[in-house]
PDB file of N, CA and C in Angstrom:
ATOM      1  N   UNK A   1       7.194 -11.108 -19.263  1.00  0.00           N
ATOM      2  CA  UNK A   1       6.760 -10.924 -17.885  1.00  0.00           C
ATOM      3  C   UNK A   1       5.409 -11.592 -17.706  1.00  0.00           C
ATOM      4  N   UNK A   2       5.284 -12.356 -16.678  1.00  0.00           N
ATOM      5  CA  UNK A   2       4.030 -13.021 -16.333  1.00  0.00           C
ATOM      6  C   UNK A   2       3.262 -12.123 -15.373  1.00  0.00           C
ATOM      7  N   UNK A   3       1.970 -11.975 -15.562  1.00  0.00           N
ATOM      8  CA  UNK A   3       1.156 -11.139 -14.688  1.00  0.00           C
ATOM      9  C   UNK A   3      -0.112 -11.909 -14.352  1.00  0.00           C
ATOM     10  N   UNK A   4      -0.284 -12.189 -13.074  1.00  0.00           N
ATOM     11  CA  UNK A   4      -1.488 -12.869 -12.630  1.00  0.00           C
ATOM     12  C   UNK A   4      -2.275 -11.917 -11.755  1.00  0.00           C
ATOM     13  N   UNK A   5      -3.570 -11.992 -11.828  1.00  0.00           N
ATOM     14  CA  UNK A   5      -4.405 -11.099 -11.048  1.00  0.00           C
ATOM     15  C   UNK A   5      -5.566 -11.875 -10.457  1.00  0.00           C
ATOM     16  N   UNK A   6      -5.930 -11.525  -9.244  1.00  0.00           N
ATOM     17  CA  UNK A   6      -7.128 -12.092  -8.659  1.00  0.00           C
ATOM     18  C   UNK A   6      -7.717 -11.090  -7.688  1.00  0.00           C
ATOM     19  N   UNK A   7      -8.943 -11.289  -7.323  1.00  0.00           N
ATOM     20  CA  UNK A   7      -9.668 -10.353  -6.478  1.00  0.00           C
ATOM     21  C   UNK A   7     -10.019 -11.028  -5.165  1.00  0.00           C
ATOM     22  N   UNK A   8      -9.818 -10.300  -4.073  1.00  0.00           N
ATOM     23  CA  UNK A   8     -10.238 -10.747  -2.754  1.00  0.00           C
ATOM     24  C   UNK A   8     -11.406  -9.861  -2.367  1.00  0.00           C
ATOM     25  N   UNK A   9     -12.463 -10.425  -1.895  1.00  0.00           N
ATOM     26  CA  UNK A   9     -13.625  -9.646  -1.500  1.00  0.00           C
ATOM     27  C   UNK A   9     -13.301  -8.754  -0.311  1.00  0.00           C
ATOM     28  N   UNK A  10     -13.546  -7.446  -0.476  1.00  0.00           N
ATOM     29  CA  UNK A  10     -13.347  -6.515   0.635  1.00  0.00           C
ATOM     30  C   UNK A  10     -14.230  -6.928   1.806  1.00  0.00           C
ATOM     31  N   UNK A  11     -15.373  -7.504   1.497  1.00  0.00           N
ATOM     32  CA  UNK A  11     -16.289  -7.953   2.535  1.00  0.00           C
ATOM     33  C   UNK A  11     -15.645  -9.035   3.400  1.00  0.00           C
ATOM     34  N   UNK A  12     -14.849  -9.914   2.779  1.00  0.00           N
ATOM     35  CA  UNK A  12     -14.203 -10.985   3.540  1.00  0.00           C
ATOM     36  C   UNK A  12     -13.098 -10.455   4.449  1.00  0.00           C
ATOM     37  N   UNK A  13     -12.604  -9.253   4.174  1.00  0.00           N
ATOM     38  CA  UNK A  13     -11.543  -8.652   4.989  1.00  0.00           C
ATOM     39  C   UNK A  13     -12.076  -7.645   6.005  1.00  0.00           C
ATOM     40  N   UNK A  14     -13.322  -7.231   5.834  1.00  0.00           N
ATOM     41  CA  UNK A  14     -13.897  -6.180   6.672  1.00  0.00           C
ATOM     42  C   UNK A  14     -13.973  -6.595   8.138  1.00  0.00           C
ATOM     43  N   UNK A  15     -13.660  -5.649   9.003  1.00  0.00           N
ATOM     44  CA  UNK A  15     -13.817  -5.848  10.439  1.00  0.00           C
ATOM     45  C   UNK A  15     -12.751  -6.703  11.095  1.00  0.00           C
ATOM     46  N   UNK A  16     -11.626  -6.931  10.396  1.00  0.00           N
ATOM     47  CA  UNK A  16     -10.554  -7.694  11.029  1.00  0.00           C
ATOM     48  C   UNK A  16      -9.203  -7.133  10.604  1.00  0.00           C
ATOM     49  N   UNK A  17      -8.219  -7.333  11.466  1.00  0.00           N
ATOM     50  CA  UNK A  17      -6.861  -6.875  11.167  1.00  0.00           C
ATOM     51  C   UNK A  17      -6.194  -7.871  10.227  1.00  0.00           C
ATOM     52  N   UNK A  18      -5.550  -7.341   9.187  1.00  0.00           N
ATOM     53  CA  UNK A  18      -4.924  -8.186   8.183  1.00  0.00           C
ATOM     54  C   UNK A  18      -3.566  -7.578   7.821  1.00  0.00           C
ATOM     55  N   UNK A  19      -2.546  -8.414   7.730  1.00  0.00           N
ATOM     56  CA  UNK A  19      -1.244  -7.962   7.215  1.00  0.00           C
ATOM     57  C   UNK A  19      -1.312  -8.017   5.691  1.00  0.00           C
ATOM     58  N   UNK A  20      -1.284  -6.844   5.071  1.00  0.00           N
ATOM     59  CA  UNK A  20      -1.407  -6.781   3.615  1.00  0.00           C
ATOM     60  C   UNK A  20      -0.359  -7.637   2.907  1.00  0.00           C
ATOM     61  N   UNK A  21       0.866  -7.607   3.397  1.00  0.00           N
ATOM     62  CA  UNK A  21       1.951  -8.352   2.744  1.00  0.00           C
ATOM     63  C   UNK A  21       1.702  -9.857   2.741  1.00  0.00           C
ATOM     64  N   UNK A  22       0.841 -10.337   3.638  1.00  0.00           N
ATOM     65  CA  UNK A  22       0.551 -11.771   3.700  1.00  0.00           C
ATOM     66  C   UNK A  22      -0.539 -12.217   2.728  1.00  0.00           C
ATOM     67  N   UNK A  23      -1.170 -11.271   2.048  1.00  0.00           N
ATOM     68  CA  UNK A  23      -2.298 -11.608   1.177  1.00  0.00           C
ATOM     69  C   UNK A  23      -1.877 -12.100  -0.207  1.00  0.00           C
ATOM     70  N   UNK A  24      -0.593 -12.000  -0.538  1.00  0.00           N
ATOM     71  CA  UNK A  24      -0.118 -12.565  -1.795  1.00  0.00           C
ATOM     72  C   UNK A  24       1.370 -12.846  -1.694  1.00  0.00           C
ATOM     73  N   UNK A  25       1.809 -13.783  -2.505  1.00  0.00           N
ATOM     74  CA  UNK A  25       3.210 -14.190  -2.488  1.00  0.00           C
ATOM     75  C   UNK A  25       3.917 -13.806  -3.767  1.00  0.00           C
ATOM     76  N   UNK A  26       5.209 -14.058  -3.784  1.00  0.00           N
ATOM     77  CA  UNK A  26       6.029 -13.799  -4.966  1.00  0.00           C
ATOM     78  C   UNK A  26       5.986 -14.994  -5.910  1.00  0.00           C
ATOM     79  N   UNK A  27       6.201 -14.727  -7.191  1.00  0.00           N
ATOM     80  CA  UNK A  27       6.410 -15.777  -8.180  1.00  0.00           C
ATOM     81  C   UNK A  27       7.661 -15.404  -8.961  1.00  0.00           C
ATOM     82  N   UNK A  28       8.528 -16.374  -9.169  1.00  0.00           N
ATOM     83  CA  UNK A  28       9.781 -16.117  -9.863  1.00  0.00           C
ATOM     84  C   UNK A  28       9.533 -15.526 -11.241  1.00  0.00           C
ATOM     85  N   UNK A  29      10.201 -14.407 -11.517  1.00  0.00           N
ATOM     86  CA  UNK A  29      10.103 -13.763 -12.816  1.00  0.00           C
ATOM     87  C   UNK A  29       8.763 -13.146 -13.123  1.00  0.00           C
ATOM     88  N   UNK A  30       7.964 -12.881 -12.090  1.00  0.00           N
ATOM     89  CA  UNK A  30       6.591 -12.429 -12.335  1.00  0.00           C
ATOM     90  C   UNK A  30       6.209 -11.223 -11.492  1.00  0.00           C
ATOM     91  N   UNK A  31       5.145 -10.613 -11.926  1.00  0.00           N
ATOM     92  CA  UNK A  31       4.453  -9.566 -11.200  1.00  0.00           C
ATOM     93  C   UNK A  31       3.093 -10.149 -10.840  1.00  0.00           C
ATOM     94  N   UNK A  32       2.769 -10.176  -9.547  1.00  0.00           N
ATOM     95  CA  UNK A  32       1.508 -10.741  -9.081  1.00  0.00           C
ATOM     96  C   UNK A  32       0.683  -9.605  -8.478  1.00  0.00           C
ATOM     97  N   UNK A  33      -0.610  -9.573  -8.763  1.00  0.00           N
ATOM     98  CA  UNK A  33      -1.461  -8.537  -8.181  1.00  0.00           C
ATOM     99  C   UNK A  33      -2.729  -9.141  -7.603  1.00  0.00           C
ATOM    100  N   UNK A  34      -3.285  -8.438  -6.630  1.00  0.00           N
ATOM    101  CA  UNK A  34      -4.540  -8.858  -6.013  1.00  0.00           C
ATOM    102  C   UNK A  34      -5.325  -7.592  -5.657  1.00  0.00           C
ATOM    103  N   UNK A  35      -6.517  -7.470  -6.210  1.00  0.00           N
ATOM    104  CA  UNK A  35      -7.373  -6.320  -5.932  1.00  0.00           C
ATOM    105  C   UNK A  35      -8.112  -6.548  -4.621  1.00  0.00           C
ATOM    106  N   UNK A  36      -8.030  -5.564  -3.734  1.00  0.00           N
ATOM    107  CA  UNK A  36      -8.675  -5.650  -2.413  1.00  0.00           C
ATOM    108  C   UNK A  36      -9.999  -4.882  -2.411  1.00  0.00           C
ATOM    109  N   UNK A  37      -9.979  -3.700  -3.034  1.00  0.00           N
ATOM    110  CA  UNK A  37     -11.185  -2.866  -3.126  1.00  0.00           C
ATOM    111  C   UNK A  37     -11.334  -2.451  -4.588  1.00  0.00           C
ATOM    112  N   UNK A  38     -12.541  -2.591  -5.121  1.00  0.00           N
ATOM    113  CA  UNK A  38     -12.795  -2.206  -6.506  1.00  0.00           C
ATOM    114  C   UNK A  38     -14.161  -1.535  -6.573  1.00  0.00           C
ATOM    115  N   UNK A  39     -14.135  -0.204  -6.537  1.00  0.00           N
ATOM    116  CA  UNK A  39     -15.363   0.593  -6.607  1.00  0.00           C
ATOM    117  C   UNK A  39     -15.221   1.593  -7.742  1.00  0.00           C
ATOM    118  N   UNK A  40     -16.337   2.149  -8.181  1.00  0.00           N
ATOM    119  CA  UNK A  40     -16.254   3.135  -9.249  1.00  0.00           C
ATOM    120  C   UNK A  40     -15.490   4.380  -8.806  1.00  0.00           C
ATOM    121  N   UNK A  41     -15.377   4.629  -7.514  1.00  0.00           N
ATOM    122  CA  UNK A  41     -14.646   5.800  -7.012  1.00  0.00           C
ATOM    123  C   UNK A  41     -13.165   5.528  -6.763  1.00  0.00           C
ATOM    124  N   UNK A  42     -12.753   4.264  -6.815  1.00  0.00           N
ATOM    125  CA  UNK A  42     -11.339   3.968  -6.629  1.00  0.00           C
ATOM    126  C   UNK A  42     -11.071   2.500  -6.359  1.00  0.00           C
ATOM    127  N   UNK A  43      -9.779   2.162  -6.409  1.00  0.00           N
ATOM    128  CA  UNK A  43      -9.361   0.782  -6.171  1.00  0.00           C
ATOM    129  C   UNK A  43      -8.170   0.743  -5.219  1.00  0.00           C
ATOM    130  N   UNK A  44      -8.014  -0.396  -4.570  1.00  0.00           N
ATOM    131  CA  UNK A  44      -6.832  -0.692  -3.760  1.00  0.00           C
ATOM    132  C   UNK A  44      -6.334  -2.044  -4.254  1.00  0.00           C
ATOM    133  N   UNK A  45      -5.086  -2.070  -4.720  1.00  0.00           N
ATOM    134  CA  UNK A  45      -4.517  -3.286  -5.291  1.00  0.00           C
ATOM    135  C   UNK A  45      -3.153  -3.549  -4.681  1.00  0.00           C
ATOM    136  N   UNK A  46      -2.910  -4.801  -4.309  1.00  0.00           N
ATOM    137  CA  UNK A  46      -1.600  -5.225  -3.820  1.00  0.00           C
ATOM    138  C   UNK A  46      -0.796  -5.774  -4.984  1.00  0.00           C
ATOM    139  N   UNK A  47       0.503  -5.519  -4.977  1.00  0.00           N
ATOM    140  CA  UNK A  47       1.407  -6.052  -5.993  1.00  0.00           C
ATOM    141  C   UNK A  47       2.599  -6.699  -5.319  1.00  0.00           C
ATOM    142  N   UNK A  48       3.058  -7.815  -5.874  1.00  0.00           N
ATOM    143  CA  UNK A  48       4.311  -8.452  -5.475  1.00  0.00           C
ATOM    144  C   UNK A  48       5.170  -8.540  -6.728  1.00  0.00           C
ATOM    145  N   UNK A  49       6.316  -7.875  -6.715  1.00  0.00           N
ATOM    146  CA  UNK A  49       7.234  -7.849  -7.849  1.00  0.00           C
ATOM    147  C   UNK A  49       8.434  -8.723  -7.527  1.00  0.00           C
ATOM    148  N   UNK A  50       8.784  -9.612  -8.424  1.00  0.00           N
ATOM    149  CA  UNK A  50      10.056 -10.299  -8.289  1.00  0.00           C
ATOM    150  C   UNK A  50      11.145  -9.289  -8.673  1.00  0.00           C
ATOM    151  N   UNK A  51      12.361  -9.535  -8.223  1.00  0.00           N
ATOM    152  CA  UNK A  51      13.477  -8.632  -8.507  1.00  0.00           C
ATOM    153  C   UNK A  51      13.580  -8.369 -10.004  1.00  0.00           C
ATOM    154  N   UNK A  52      13.715  -7.092 -10.366  1.00  0.00           N
ATOM    155  CA  UNK A  52      13.859  -6.700 -11.762  1.00  0.00           C
ATOM    156  C   UNK A  52      12.562  -6.529 -12.518  1.00  0.00           C
ATOM    157  N   UNK A  53      11.450  -6.959 -11.948  1.00  0.00           N
ATOM    158  CA  UNK A  53      10.149  -6.808 -12.609  1.00  0.00           C
ATOM    159  C   UNK A  53       9.643  -5.377 -12.439  1.00  0.00           C
ATOM    160  N   UNK A  54       8.752  -4.956 -13.321  1.00  0.00           N
ATOM    161  CA  UNK A  54       8.231  -3.606 -13.203  1.00  0.00           C
ATOM    162  C   UNK A  54       7.063  -3.351 -14.125  1.00  0.00           C
ATOM    163  N   UNK A  55       6.680  -2.107 -14.162  1.00  0.00           N
ATOM    164  CA  UNK A  55       5.628  -1.630 -15.055  1.00  0.00           C
ATOM    165  C   UNK A  55       6.264  -0.601 -15.970  1.00  0.00           C
ATOM    166  N   UNK A  56       6.146  -0.795 -17.268  1.00  0.00           N
ATOM    167  CA  UNK A  56       6.745   0.138 -18.216  1.00  0.00           C
ATOM    168  C   UNK A  56       6.037   1.488 -18.137  1.00  0.00           C
ATOM    169  N   UNK A  57       6.661   2.495 -18.724  1.00  0.00           N
ATOM    170  CA  UNK A  57       6.117   3.848 -18.634  1.00  0.00           C
ATOM    171  C   UNK A  57       4.696   3.897 -19.190  1.00  0.00           C
ATOM    172  N   UNK A  58       3.825   4.517 -18.420  1.00  0.00           N
ATOM    173  CA  UNK A  58       2.435   4.665 -18.815  1.00  0.00           C
ATOM    174  C   UNK A  58       1.842   5.858 -18.070  1.00  0.00           C
ATOM    175  N   UNK A  59       0.632   6.222 -18.419  1.00  0.00           N
ATOM    176  CA  UNK A  59      -0.104   7.257 -17.695  1.00  0.00           C
ATOM    177  C   UNK A  59      -1.423   6.658 -17.239  1.00  0.00           C
ATOM    178  N   UNK A  60      -2.021   7.302 -16.267  1.00  0.00           N
ATOM    179  CA  UNK A  60      -3.344   6.895 -15.783  1.00  0.00           C
ATOM    180  C   UNK A  60      -4.217   8.145 -15.718  1.00  0.00           C
ATOM    181  N   UNK A  61      -5.504   7.992 -15.939  1.00  0.00           N
ATOM    182  CA  UNK A  61      -6.386   9.158 -15.928  1.00  0.00           C
ATOM    183  C   UNK A  61      -6.737   9.644 -14.519  1.00  0.00           C
ATOM    184  N   UNK A  62      -6.218   8.950 -13.498  1.00  0.00           N
ATOM    185  CA  UNK A  62      -6.549   9.286 -12.109  1.00  0.00           C
ATOM    186  C   UNK A  62      -5.274   9.386 -11.271  1.00  0.00           C
ATOM    187  N   UNK A  63      -5.356  10.130 -10.180  1.00  0.00           N
ATOM    188  CA  UNK A  63      -4.253  10.154  -9.226  1.00  0.00           C
ATOM    189  C   UNK A  63      -4.082   8.768  -8.614  1.00  0.00           C
ATOM    190  N   UNK A  64      -2.834   8.411  -8.327  1.00  0.00           N
ATOM    191  CA  UNK A  64      -2.548   7.117  -7.712  1.00  0.00           C
ATOM    192  C   UNK A  64      -1.497   7.306  -6.630  1.00  0.00           C
ATOM    193  N   UNK A  65      -1.618   6.526  -5.581  1.00  0.00           N
ATOM    194  CA  UNK A  65      -0.661   6.537  -4.488  1.00  0.00           C
ATOM    195  C   UNK A  65      -0.046   5.156  -4.385  1.00  0.00           C
ATOM    196  N   UNK A  66       1.283   5.091  -4.358  1.00  0.00           N
ATOM    197  CA  UNK A  66       2.009   3.839  -4.187  1.00  0.00           C
ATOM    198  C   UNK A  66       2.647   3.865  -2.804  1.00  0.00           C
ATOM    199  N   UNK A  67       2.454   2.802  -2.030  1.00  0.00           N
ATOM    200  CA  UNK A  67       3.059   2.668  -0.704  1.00  0.00           C
ATOM    201  C   UNK A  67       3.824   1.348  -0.669  1.00  0.00           C
ATOM    202  N   UNK A  68       5.124   1.407  -0.376  1.00  0.00           N
ATOM    203  CA  UNK A  68       5.943   0.197  -0.331  1.00  0.00           C
ATOM    204  C   UNK A  68       5.816  -0.494   1.022  1.00  0.00           C
ATOM    205  N   UNK A  69       5.396  -1.742   0.985  1.00  0.00           N
ATOM    206  CA  UNK A  69       5.283  -2.550   2.202  1.00  0.00           C
ATOM    207  C   UNK A  69       6.640  -3.117   2.605  1.00  0.00           C
ATOM    208  N   UNK A  70       7.468  -3.418   1.611  1.00  0.00           N
ATOM    209  CA  UNK A  70       8.816  -3.917   1.867  1.00  0.00           C
ATOM    210  C   UNK A  70       9.641  -3.724   0.605  1.00  0.00           C
ATOM    211  N   UNK A  71      10.915  -4.016   0.677  1.00  0.00           N
ATOM    212  CA  UNK A  71      11.776  -3.927  -0.492  1.00  0.00           C
ATOM    213  C   UNK A  71      12.105  -2.513  -0.908  1.00  0.00           C
ATOM    214  N   UNK A  72      12.600  -2.402  -2.112  1.00  0.00           N
ATOM    215  CA  UNK A  72      13.039  -1.122  -2.656  1.00  0.00           C
ATOM    216  C   UNK A  72      12.666  -1.063  -4.129  1.00  0.00           C
ATOM    217  N   UNK A  73      12.308   0.123  -4.595  1.00  0.00           N
ATOM    218  CA  UNK A  73      11.822   0.272  -5.953  1.00  0.00           C
ATOM    219  C   UNK A  73      12.349   1.559  -6.564  1.00  0.00           C
ATOM    220  N   UNK A  74      12.586   1.515  -7.866  1.00  0.00           N
ATOM    221  CA  UNK A  74      12.887   2.723  -8.623  1.00  0.00           C
ATOM    222  C   UNK A  74      11.595   3.175  -9.280  1.00  0.00           C
ATOM    223  N   UNK A  75      11.220   4.422  -9.026  1.00  0.00           N
ATOM    224  CA  UNK A  75      10.015   4.999  -9.620  1.00  0.00           C
ATOM    225  C   UNK A  75      10.414   6.311 -10.274  1.00  0.00           C
ATOM    226  N   UNK A  76       9.919   6.539 -11.466  1.00  0.00           N
ATOM    227  CA  UNK A  76      10.111   7.826 -12.133  1.00  0.00           C
ATOM    228  C   UNK A  76       8.739   8.389 -12.448  1.00  0.00           C
ATOM    229  N   UNK A  77       8.541   9.653 -12.093  1.00  0.00           N
ATOM    230  CA  UNK A  77       7.293  10.354 -12.398  1.00  0.00           C
ATOM    231  C   UNK A  77       7.666  11.568 -13.239  1.00  0.00           C
ATOM    232  N   UNK A  78       7.098  11.665 -14.421  1.00  0.00           N
ATOM    233  CA  UNK A  78       7.400  12.747 -15.368  1.00  0.00           C
ATOM    234  C   UNK A  78       8.900  12.869 -15.605  1.00  0.00           C
ATOM    235  N   UNK A  79       9.572  11.718 -15.725  1.00  0.00           N
ATOM    236  CA  UNK A  79      10.998  11.706 -16.008  1.00  0.00           C
ATOM    237  C   UNK A  79      11.900  11.951 -14.820  1.00  0.00           C
ATOM    238  N   UNK A  80      11.333  12.178 -13.640  1.00  0.00           N
ATOM    239  CA  UNK A  80      12.133  12.430 -12.433  1.00  0.00           C
ATOM    240  C   UNK A  80      12.287  11.111 -11.660  1.00  0.00           C
ATOM    241  N   UNK A  81      13.485  10.497 -11.706  1.00  0.00           N
ATOM    242  CA  UNK A  81      13.685   9.220 -11.021  1.00  0.00           C
ATOM    243  C   UNK A  81      13.879   9.389  -9.524  1.00  0.00           C
ATOM    244  N   UNK A  82      13.443   8.389  -8.778  1.00  0.00           N
ATOM    245  CA  UNK A  82      13.650   8.377  -7.326  1.00  0.00           C
ATOM    246  C   UNK A  82      13.760   6.941  -6.861  1.00  0.00           C
ATOM    247  N   UNK A  83      14.430   6.741  -5.751  1.00  0.00           N
ATOM    248  CA  UNK A  83      14.564   5.426  -5.125  1.00  0.00           C
ATOM    249  C   UNK A  83      13.625   5.441  -3.928  1.00  0.00           C
ATOM    250  N   UNK A  84      12.669   4.527  -3.902  1.00  0.00           N
ATOM    251  CA  UNK A  84      11.648   4.485  -2.853  1.00  0.00           C
ATOM    252  C   UNK A  84      11.881   3.228  -2.024  1.00  0.00           C
ATOM    253  N   UNK A  85      11.839   3.388  -0.694  1.00  0.00           N
ATOM    254  CA  UNK A  85      12.144   2.283   0.215  1.00  0.00           C
ATOM    255  C   UNK A  85      10.933   1.932   1.073  1.00  0.00           C
ATOM    256  N   UNK A  86      11.041   0.793   1.729  1.00  0.00           N
ATOM    257  CA  UNK A  86       9.991   0.295   2.625  1.00  0.00           C
ATOM    258  C   UNK A  86       9.457   1.409   3.520  1.00  0.00           C
ATOM    259  N   UNK A  87       8.128   1.504   3.583  1.00  0.00           N
ATOM    260  CA  UNK A  87       7.481   2.499   4.437  1.00  0.00           C
ATOM    261  C   UNK A  87       7.301   3.859   3.782  1.00  0.00           C
ATOM    262  N   UNK A  88       7.809   4.038   2.567  1.00  0.00           N
ATOM    263  CA  UNK A  88       7.664   5.313   1.868  1.00  0.00           C
ATOM    264  C   UNK A  88       6.556   5.215   0.827  1.00  0.00           C
ATOM    265  N   UNK A  89       6.054   6.394   0.429  1.00  0.00           N
ATOM    266  CA  UNK A  89       5.000   6.448  -0.575  1.00  0.00           C
ATOM    267  C   UNK A  89       5.323   7.493  -1.614  1.00  0.00           C
ATOM    268  N   UNK A  90       4.686   7.358  -2.772  1.00  0.00           N
ATOM    269  CA  UNK A  90       4.804   8.321  -3.861  1.00  0.00           C
ATOM    270  C   UNK A  90       3.411   8.544  -4.417  1.00  0.00           C
ATOM    271  N   UNK A  91       3.072   9.796  -4.661  1.00  0.00           N
ATOM    272  CA  UNK A  91       1.818  10.117  -5.340  1.00  0.00           C
ATOM    273  C   UNK A  91       2.138  10.375  -6.803  1.00  0.00           C
ATOM    274  N   UNK A  92       1.432   9.680  -7.678  1.00  0.00           N
ATOM    275  CA  UNK A  92       1.610   9.831  -9.116  1.00  0.00           C
ATOM    276  C   UNK A  92       0.380  10.557  -9.652  1.00  0.00           C
ATOM    277  N   UNK A  93       0.540  11.813 -10.045  1.00  0.00           N
ATOM    278  CA  UNK A  93      -0.613  12.605 -10.492  1.00  0.00           C
ATOM    279  C   UNK A  93      -1.224  12.080 -11.795  1.00  0.00           C
ATOM    280  N   UNK A  94      -2.503  12.278 -11.928  1.00  0.00           N
ATOM    281  CA  UNK A  94      -3.230  11.894 -13.151  1.00  0.00           C
ATOM    282  C   UNK A  94      -2.561  12.515 -14.369  1.00  0.00           C
ATOM    283  N   UNK A  95      -2.448  11.709 -15.429  1.00  0.00           N
ATOM    284  CA  UNK A  95      -1.917  12.203 -16.682  1.00  0.00           C
ATOM    285  C   UNK A  95      -0.403  12.326 -16.757  1.00  0.00           C
ATOM    286  N   UNK A  96       0.305  12.107 -15.652  1.00  0.00           N
ATOM    287  CA  UNK A  96       1.771  12.206 -15.648  1.00  0.00           C
ATOM    288  C   UNK A  96       2.368  10.833 -15.943  1.00  0.00           C
ATOM    289  N   UNK A  97       3.312  10.740 -16.878  1.00  0.00           N
ATOM    290  CA  UNK A  97       3.920   9.440 -17.166  1.00  0.00           C
ATOM    291  C   UNK A  97       4.740   8.950 -15.971  1.00  0.00           C
ATOM    292  N   UNK A  98       4.662   7.650 -15.709  1.00  0.00           N
ATOM    293  CA  UNK A  98       5.428   7.066 -14.608  1.00  0.00           C
ATOM    294  C   UNK A  98       5.835   5.644 -14.963  1.00  0.00           C
ATOM    295  N   UNK A  99       6.918   5.201 -14.331  1.00  0.00           N
ATOM    296  CA  UNK A  99       7.467   3.867 -14.548  1.00  0.00           C
ATOM    297  C   UNK A  99       7.934   3.331 -13.199  1.00  0.00           C
ATOM    298  N   UNK A 100       7.785   2.019 -12.976  1.00  0.00           N
ATOM    299  CA  UNK A 100       8.171   1.388 -11.711  1.00  0.00           C
ATOM    300  C   UNK A 100       9.015   0.151 -12.000  1.00  0.00           C
ATOM    301  N   UNK A 101      10.081  -0.041 -11.221  1.00  0.00           N
ATOM    302  CA  UNK A 101      10.922  -1.233 -11.356  1.00  0.00           C
ATOM    303  C   UNK A 101      11.419  -1.653  -9.986  1.00  0.00           C
ATOM    304  N   UNK A 102      11.264  -2.934  -9.673  1.00  0.00           N
ATOM    305  CA  UNK A 102      11.691  -3.479  -8.384  1.00  0.00           C
ATOM    306  C   UNK A 102      13.203  -3.688  -8.386  1.00  0.00           C
ATOM    307  N   UNK A 103      13.903  -3.047  -7.459  1.00  0.00           N
ATOM    308  CA  UNK A 103      15.338  -3.236  -7.290  1.00  0.00           C
ATOM    309  C   UNK A 103      15.584  -4.609  -6.671  1.00  0.00           C
ATOM    310  N   UNK A 104      14.671  -5.011  -5.800  1.00  0.00           N
ATOM    311  CA  UNK A 104      14.702  -6.322  -5.149  1.00  0.00           C
ATOM    312  C   UNK A 104      13.253  -6.775  -5.034  1.00  0.00           C
ATOM    313  N   UNK A 105      13.028  -8.000  -4.602  1.00  0.00           N
ATOM    314  CA  UNK A 105      11.635  -8.426  -4.401  1.00  0.00           C
ATOM    315  C   UNK A 105      10.948  -7.406  -3.516  1.00  0.00           C
ATOM    316  N   UNK A 106       9.746  -7.046  -3.880  1.00  0.00           N
ATOM    317  CA  UNK A 106       9.027  -6.080  -3.052  1.00  0.00           C
ATOM    318  C   UNK A 106       7.534  -6.203  -3.244  1.00  0.00           C
ATOM    319  N   UNK A 107       6.842  -5.711  -2.229  1.00  0.00           N
ATOM    320  CA  UNK A 107       5.383  -5.652  -2.272  1.00  0.00           C
ATOM    321  C   UNK A 107       4.963  -4.221  -2.050  1.00  0.00           C
ATOM    322  N   UNK A 108       3.891  -3.848  -2.744  1.00  0.00           N
ATOM    323  CA  UNK A 108       3.385  -2.478  -2.622  1.00  0.00           C
ATOM    324  C   UNK A 108       1.866  -2.474  -2.690  1.00  0.00           C
ATOM    325  N   UNK A 109       1.314  -1.385  -2.217  1.00  0.00           N
ATOM    326  CA  UNK A 109      -0.123  -1.133  -2.312  1.00  0.00           C
ATOM    327  C   UNK A 109      -0.303   0.034  -3.283  1.00  0.00           C
ATOM    328  N   UNK A 110      -1.214  -0.127  -4.212  1.00  0.00           N
ATOM    329  CA  UNK A 110      -1.560   0.945  -5.139  1.00  0.00           C
ATOM    330  C   UNK A 110      -2.994   1.365  -4.850  1.00  0.00           C
ATOM    331  N   UNK A 111      -3.175   2.660  -4.539  1.00  0.00           N
ATOM    332  CA  UNK A 111      -4.507   3.217  -4.310  1.00  0.00           C
ATOM    333  C   UNK A 111      -4.797   4.163  -5.464  1.00  0.00           C
ATOM    334  N   UNK A 112      -5.823   3.839  -6.239  1.00  0.00           N
ATOM    335  CA  UNK A 112      -6.220   4.649  -7.377  1.00  0.00           C
ATOM    336  C   UNK A 112      -7.479   5.421  -6.979  1.00  0.00           C
ATOM    337  N   UNK A 113      -7.414   6.739  -7.120  1.00  0.00           N
ATOM    338  CA  UNK A 113      -8.538   7.593  -6.742  1.00  0.00           C
ATOM    339  C   UNK A 113      -9.223   8.074  -8.010  1.00  0.00           C
ATOM    340  N   UNK A 114     -10.462   7.648  -8.211  1.00  0.00           N
ATOM    341  CA  UNK A 114     -11.178   7.954  -9.439  1.00  0.00           C
ATOM    342  C   UNK A 114     -12.133   9.138  -9.333  1.00  0.00           C
ATOM    343  N   UNK A 115     -12.265   9.701  -8.164  1.00  0.00           N
ATOM    344  CA  UNK A 115     -13.160  10.864  -8.056  1.00  0.00           C
ATOM    345  C   UNK A 115     -12.601  11.884  -7.105  1.00  0.00           C
TER     346      UNK A 115
END
């Protein structure tokens, strides 16, 4: 799996309306990410998953919220699988194992809350 990451300055986005899904594109066979906000209290990161791409099971020390901008995704939190669709969100509690896999090409926003 190829994973590319880059950061967009929150300052460059401040004070204007922006379509999040337009801030990054898909790459064949890859997971692409772009950090929008990166503070010690939390982050906001956009992800574009090609079909079948995902994140293997892992835990995070902080609560995280996933919001699907488009597409469909399989997410399991603490072994409980669910199918998440465009416009839906899932909260993944700190310390709980979770796994994500794109059923089709999709984009999502991940909000990590560190405090």
